[in-house]
N, C-alpha and C. Protein backbone atom coordinates (compact mmCIF):
# COMPACT_ATOMS: atom_id res chain seq x y z
N MET A 1 -46.71 54.79 34.49
CA MET A 1 -46.83 55.22 33.11
C MET A 1 -48.19 54.76 32.59
N ASN A 2 -48.94 55.69 32.00
CA ASN A 2 -50.25 55.30 31.46
C ASN A 2 -50.08 54.66 30.09
N GLY A 3 -51.16 54.12 29.55
CA GLY A 3 -51.11 53.41 28.28
C GLY A 3 -50.64 54.26 27.13
N ALA A 4 -51.12 55.51 27.05
CA ALA A 4 -50.71 56.39 25.96
C ALA A 4 -49.22 56.69 26.05
N ASP A 5 -48.71 56.89 27.27
CA ASP A 5 -47.28 57.14 27.44
C ASP A 5 -46.46 55.92 27.04
N ALA A 6 -46.95 54.74 27.38
CA ALA A 6 -46.24 53.51 27.02
C ALA A 6 -46.22 53.33 25.50
N LEU A 7 -47.34 53.60 24.85
CA LEU A 7 -47.36 53.51 23.38
C LEU A 7 -46.41 54.52 22.76
N GLU A 8 -46.35 55.72 23.32
CA GLU A 8 -45.44 56.74 22.80
C GLU A 8 -43.99 56.31 22.97
N ARG A 9 -43.68 55.71 24.09
CA ARG A 9 -42.31 55.22 24.32
C ARG A 9 -41.95 54.13 23.32
N ILE A 10 -42.87 53.20 23.08
CA ILE A 10 -42.64 52.14 22.10
C ILE A 10 -42.50 52.75 20.70
N ARG A 11 -43.32 53.76 20.39
CA ARG A 11 -43.24 54.42 19.09
C ARG A 11 -41.86 55.03 18.88
N ARG A 12 -41.38 55.74 19.90
CA ARG A 12 -40.06 56.38 19.78
C ARG A 12 -38.94 55.35 19.65
N LEU A 13 -38.98 54.30 20.47
CA LEU A 13 -37.96 53.25 20.40
C LEU A 13 -37.95 52.57 19.04
N SER A 14 -39.14 52.26 18.54
CA SER A 14 -39.25 51.59 17.24
C SER A 14 -38.77 52.49 16.11
N ALA A 15 -39.16 53.76 16.14
CA ALA A 15 -38.72 54.70 15.11
C ALA A 15 -37.21 54.85 15.13
N ALA A 16 -36.62 54.93 16.31
CA ALA A 16 -35.17 55.04 16.41
C ALA A 16 -34.49 53.79 15.88
N PHE A 17 -35.05 52.62 16.20
CA PHE A 17 -34.50 51.36 15.72
C PHE A 17 -34.47 51.34 14.20
N VAL A 18 -35.58 51.74 13.58
CA VAL A 18 -35.67 51.78 12.12
C VAL A 18 -34.71 52.83 11.55
N ASP A 19 -34.70 54.01 12.15
CA ASP A 19 -33.83 55.10 11.67
C ASP A 19 -32.36 54.70 11.75
N ASP A 20 -31.95 54.09 12.85
CA ASP A 20 -30.55 53.70 13.05
C ASP A 20 -30.08 52.71 11.98
N ARG A 21 -31.00 51.96 11.43
CA ARG A 21 -30.65 50.94 10.43
C ARG A 21 -30.97 51.36 9.01
N GLY A 22 -31.56 52.54 8.85
CA GLY A 22 -31.91 53.01 7.52
C GLY A 22 -32.98 52.17 6.84
N TRP A 23 -33.92 51.66 7.62
CA TRP A 23 -34.94 50.76 7.09
C TRP A 23 -36.22 51.46 6.67
N GLN A 24 -36.24 52.78 6.63
CA GLN A 24 -37.46 53.51 6.34
C GLN A 24 -38.11 53.07 5.03
N ASN A 25 -37.30 52.76 4.01
CA ASN A 25 -37.85 52.35 2.71
C ASN A 25 -38.61 51.03 2.79
N TYR A 26 -38.32 50.23 3.79
CA TYR A 26 -39.00 48.94 3.95
C TYR A 26 -40.23 49.04 4.84
N GLN A 27 -40.46 50.21 5.40
CA GLN A 27 -41.50 50.39 6.40
C GLN A 27 -42.77 51.03 5.82
N SER A 28 -43.18 50.58 4.65
CA SER A 28 -44.42 51.09 4.06
C SER A 28 -45.60 50.51 4.82
N PRO A 29 -46.74 51.19 4.80
CA PRO A 29 -47.92 50.62 5.46
C PRO A 29 -48.24 49.21 4.96
N LYS A 30 -48.10 48.96 3.68
CA LYS A 30 -48.35 47.62 3.14
C LYS A 30 -47.43 46.59 3.79
N ASN A 31 -46.14 46.88 3.82
CA ASN A 31 -45.19 45.92 4.40
C ASN A 31 -45.40 45.73 5.90
N LEU A 32 -45.69 46.82 6.60
CA LEU A 32 -45.93 46.71 8.03
C LEU A 32 -47.20 45.93 8.33
N ALA A 33 -48.25 46.14 7.54
CA ALA A 33 -49.49 45.38 7.74
C ALA A 33 -49.26 43.90 7.48
N MET A 34 -48.49 43.58 6.46
CA MET A 34 -48.19 42.17 6.18
C MET A 34 -47.36 41.56 7.30
N ALA A 35 -46.37 42.29 7.80
CA ALA A 35 -45.55 41.79 8.90
C ALA A 35 -46.39 41.59 10.16
N LEU A 36 -47.32 42.50 10.39
CA LEU A 36 -48.22 42.39 11.54
C LEU A 36 -49.03 41.09 11.47
N ILE A 37 -49.55 40.80 10.30
CA ILE A 37 -50.34 39.58 10.12
C ILE A 37 -49.48 38.33 10.30
N VAL A 38 -48.26 38.35 9.81
CA VAL A 38 -47.35 37.21 9.99
C VAL A 38 -47.11 36.97 11.47
N GLU A 39 -46.84 38.04 12.21
CA GLU A 39 -46.60 37.88 13.65
C GLU A 39 -47.85 37.42 14.38
N ALA A 40 -49.02 37.91 13.97
CA ALA A 40 -50.27 37.46 14.58
C ALA A 40 -50.48 35.97 14.32
N ALA A 41 -50.13 35.52 13.12
CA ALA A 41 -50.25 34.09 12.80
C ALA A 41 -49.29 33.27 13.67
N GLU A 42 -48.10 33.79 13.90
CA GLU A 42 -47.15 33.09 14.77
C GLU A 42 -47.68 33.02 16.21
N LEU A 43 -48.39 34.04 16.63
CA LEU A 43 -49.02 34.03 17.95
C LEU A 43 -50.09 32.94 18.02
N VAL A 44 -50.94 32.89 17.04
CA VAL A 44 -52.03 31.90 17.00
C VAL A 44 -51.48 30.47 17.01
N GLU A 45 -50.36 30.29 16.35
CA GLU A 45 -49.76 28.96 16.25
C GLU A 45 -49.53 28.32 17.62
N HIS A 46 -49.21 29.12 18.62
CA HIS A 46 -48.94 28.58 19.96
C HIS A 46 -50.20 28.02 20.63
N PHE A 47 -51.36 28.45 20.18
CA PHE A 47 -52.62 28.00 20.76
C PHE A 47 -53.37 27.02 19.86
N GLN A 48 -52.82 26.72 18.72
CA GLN A 48 -53.53 25.98 17.66
C GLN A 48 -54.20 24.70 18.13
N TRP A 49 -53.55 23.91 18.90
CA TRP A 49 -54.12 22.61 19.27
C TRP A 49 -54.58 22.57 20.72
N MET A 50 -54.71 23.70 21.36
CA MET A 50 -55.21 23.75 22.73
C MET A 50 -56.71 23.97 22.72
N ASP A 51 -57.39 23.47 23.75
CA ASP A 51 -58.78 23.86 23.91
C ASP A 51 -58.80 25.18 24.69
N ALA A 52 -59.97 25.75 24.84
CA ALA A 52 -60.09 27.07 25.48
C ALA A 52 -59.51 27.06 26.89
N ARG A 53 -59.78 26.03 27.64
CA ARG A 53 -59.28 25.97 29.02
C ARG A 53 -57.76 25.88 29.04
N GLU A 54 -57.17 25.05 28.20
CA GLU A 54 -55.70 24.93 28.15
C GLU A 54 -55.04 26.26 27.79
N SER A 55 -55.69 27.01 26.91
CA SER A 55 -55.10 28.27 26.47
C SER A 55 -55.02 29.31 27.58
N LEU A 56 -55.80 29.12 28.65
CA LEU A 56 -55.77 30.05 29.78
C LEU A 56 -54.52 29.92 30.63
N SER A 57 -53.87 28.77 30.58
CA SER A 57 -52.67 28.58 31.41
C SER A 57 -51.62 27.76 30.65
N PRO A 58 -50.99 28.39 29.66
CA PRO A 58 -49.96 27.67 28.90
C PRO A 58 -48.75 27.37 29.78
N ASP A 59 -48.00 26.34 29.40
CA ASP A 59 -46.78 26.01 30.14
C ASP A 59 -45.79 27.18 30.01
N PRO A 60 -44.78 27.21 30.89
CA PRO A 60 -43.85 28.36 30.90
C PRO A 60 -43.17 28.65 29.56
N ALA A 61 -42.77 27.63 28.85
CA ALA A 61 -42.09 27.85 27.56
C ALA A 61 -43.06 28.46 26.54
N THR A 62 -44.28 27.96 26.52
CA THR A 62 -45.28 28.50 25.60
C THR A 62 -45.63 29.93 25.99
N ARG A 63 -45.77 30.16 27.27
CA ARG A 63 -46.07 31.53 27.74
C ARG A 63 -44.98 32.50 27.31
N ALA A 64 -43.72 32.10 27.44
CA ALA A 64 -42.61 32.97 27.02
C ALA A 64 -42.66 33.24 25.52
N ALA A 65 -42.98 32.20 24.74
CA ALA A 65 -43.08 32.38 23.29
C ALA A 65 -44.24 33.29 22.94
N VAL A 66 -45.36 33.14 23.63
CA VAL A 66 -46.53 34.00 23.41
C VAL A 66 -46.17 35.45 23.74
N GLU A 67 -45.46 35.66 24.82
CA GLU A 67 -45.03 37.01 25.20
C GLU A 67 -44.21 37.65 24.08
N THR A 68 -43.29 36.89 23.51
CA THR A 68 -42.45 37.40 22.42
C THR A 68 -43.30 37.75 21.20
N GLU A 69 -44.24 36.89 20.85
CA GLU A 69 -45.09 37.16 19.68
C GLU A 69 -46.01 38.35 19.93
N LEU A 70 -46.54 38.47 21.15
CA LEU A 70 -47.35 39.65 21.47
C LEU A 70 -46.54 40.93 21.32
N ALA A 71 -45.29 40.89 21.75
CA ALA A 71 -44.42 42.07 21.60
C ALA A 71 -44.21 42.39 20.13
N ASP A 72 -43.98 41.36 19.31
CA ASP A 72 -43.82 41.59 17.87
C ASP A 72 -45.06 42.23 17.27
N VAL A 73 -46.23 41.71 17.63
CA VAL A 73 -47.49 42.26 17.12
C VAL A 73 -47.63 43.72 17.55
N LEU A 74 -47.36 44.00 18.81
CA LEU A 74 -47.49 45.36 19.31
C LEU A 74 -46.53 46.31 18.60
N VAL A 75 -45.29 45.91 18.44
CA VAL A 75 -44.30 46.78 17.79
C VAL A 75 -44.72 47.09 16.36
N TYR A 76 -45.13 46.08 15.60
CA TYR A 76 -45.57 46.34 14.23
C TYR A 76 -46.83 47.20 14.19
N LEU A 77 -47.75 46.98 15.11
CA LEU A 77 -48.97 47.78 15.17
C LEU A 77 -48.65 49.25 15.45
N VAL A 78 -47.81 49.48 16.44
CA VAL A 78 -47.42 50.84 16.80
C VAL A 78 -46.65 51.49 15.65
N ARG A 79 -45.78 50.73 15.00
CA ARG A 79 -45.00 51.28 13.89
C ARG A 79 -45.93 51.65 12.72
N LEU A 80 -46.89 50.80 12.43
CA LEU A 80 -47.85 51.09 11.35
C LEU A 80 -48.63 52.36 11.67
N ALA A 81 -49.11 52.48 12.89
CA ALA A 81 -49.83 53.69 13.29
C ALA A 81 -48.93 54.92 13.16
N ASP A 82 -47.67 54.79 13.54
CA ASP A 82 -46.74 55.92 13.44
C ASP A 82 -46.53 56.34 11.99
N VAL A 83 -46.31 55.39 11.12
CA VAL A 83 -46.08 55.69 9.70
C VAL A 83 -47.31 56.38 9.10
N LEU A 84 -48.50 55.98 9.55
CA LEU A 84 -49.74 56.57 9.04
C LEU A 84 -50.19 57.79 9.86
N ASP A 85 -49.40 58.16 10.85
CA ASP A 85 -49.71 59.30 11.73
C ASP A 85 -51.10 59.16 12.38
N ILE A 86 -51.31 57.99 12.98
CA ILE A 86 -52.55 57.69 13.69
C ILE A 86 -52.23 57.59 15.17
N ASP A 87 -52.99 58.31 15.98
CA ASP A 87 -52.85 58.22 17.44
C ASP A 87 -53.57 56.94 17.86
N LEU A 88 -52.80 55.90 18.10
CA LEU A 88 -53.35 54.58 18.37
C LEU A 88 -54.18 54.55 19.65
N ALA A 89 -53.73 55.20 20.69
CA ALA A 89 -54.48 55.22 21.96
C ALA A 89 -55.82 55.91 21.76
N ASP A 90 -55.82 57.03 21.05
CA ASP A 90 -57.05 57.76 20.78
C ASP A 90 -57.99 56.93 19.91
N ALA A 91 -57.44 56.30 18.88
CA ALA A 91 -58.26 55.47 17.99
C ALA A 91 -58.89 54.31 18.76
N ALA A 92 -58.12 53.69 19.67
CA ALA A 92 -58.65 52.58 20.46
C ALA A 92 -59.76 53.06 21.40
N GLU A 93 -59.57 54.21 22.02
CA GLU A 93 -60.61 54.76 22.90
C GLU A 93 -61.90 55.03 22.12
N ARG A 94 -61.77 55.61 20.93
CA ARG A 94 -62.95 55.89 20.11
C ARG A 94 -63.64 54.59 19.69
N LYS A 95 -62.86 53.57 19.39
CA LYS A 95 -63.44 52.28 18.98
C LYS A 95 -64.18 51.63 20.15
N ILE A 96 -63.62 51.68 21.33
CA ILE A 96 -64.29 51.11 22.51
C ILE A 96 -65.59 51.86 22.78
N GLU A 97 -65.57 53.18 22.65
CA GLU A 97 -66.79 53.97 22.83
C GLU A 97 -67.84 53.60 21.78
N ALA A 98 -67.42 53.42 20.54
CA ALA A 98 -68.35 53.03 19.48
C ALA A 98 -68.93 51.64 19.76
N ASN A 99 -68.10 50.72 20.24
CA ASN A 99 -68.59 49.39 20.58
C ASN A 99 -69.58 49.43 21.74
N ALA A 100 -69.34 50.32 22.70
CA ALA A 100 -70.26 50.46 23.83
C ALA A 100 -71.63 50.94 23.36
N ARG A 101 -71.64 51.83 22.37
CA ARG A 101 -72.93 52.27 21.81
C ARG A 101 -73.58 51.15 21.00
N LYS A 102 -72.78 50.41 20.28
CA LYS A 102 -73.30 49.35 19.41
C LYS A 102 -73.80 48.15 20.23
N TYR A 103 -73.12 47.87 21.33
CA TYR A 103 -73.45 46.73 22.17
C TYR A 103 -73.68 47.20 23.60
N PRO A 104 -74.80 47.87 23.88
CA PRO A 104 -75.02 48.38 25.24
C PRO A 104 -75.18 47.25 26.25
N VAL A 105 -74.82 47.55 27.48
CA VAL A 105 -74.93 46.58 28.57
C VAL A 105 -76.38 46.13 28.67
N GLY A 106 -76.57 44.84 28.77
CA GLY A 106 -77.91 44.27 28.92
C GLY A 106 -78.65 44.04 27.63
N ALA A 107 -78.10 44.49 26.50
CA ALA A 107 -78.82 44.34 25.22
C ALA A 107 -78.64 42.96 24.61
N ALA A 108 -77.58 42.29 25.01
CA ALA A 108 -77.31 40.96 24.47
C ALA A 108 -77.12 39.98 25.63
N PRO A 109 -77.45 38.72 25.41
CA PRO A 109 -77.25 37.74 26.49
C PRO A 109 -75.77 37.60 26.83
N ARG A 110 -75.50 37.40 28.10
CA ARG A 110 -74.11 37.19 28.55
C ARG A 110 -73.70 35.77 28.25
N ARG A 111 -72.43 35.63 27.94
CA ARG A 111 -71.87 34.29 27.74
C ARG A 111 -71.24 33.82 29.02
N ALA A 112 -71.38 32.56 29.29
CA ALA A 112 -70.78 31.99 30.51
C ALA A 112 -69.30 31.78 30.36
């Protein structure tokens, strides 16, 4: 399954989850953006007191918690894009292309 297909599957599952519970009134772009930020903050919390090297290999419990928070972030992101009728995969591809033009290879020093 390619990335766009995976995002579409998540979009459908999330929309069905919301529809089955009648939560559409709570799924405004404002509320979804706020929920996304809350989940992103919960993700950051797991790395808060680690140095860069430690963050590369968290212990199994932390890794499992990070996985859960990443899923929350992804679900809210996909749901927000769905509510706003934005093709998230297409938008991401366009953004990467724009970044490639803005930051061409060799134009900036590499970081170690």
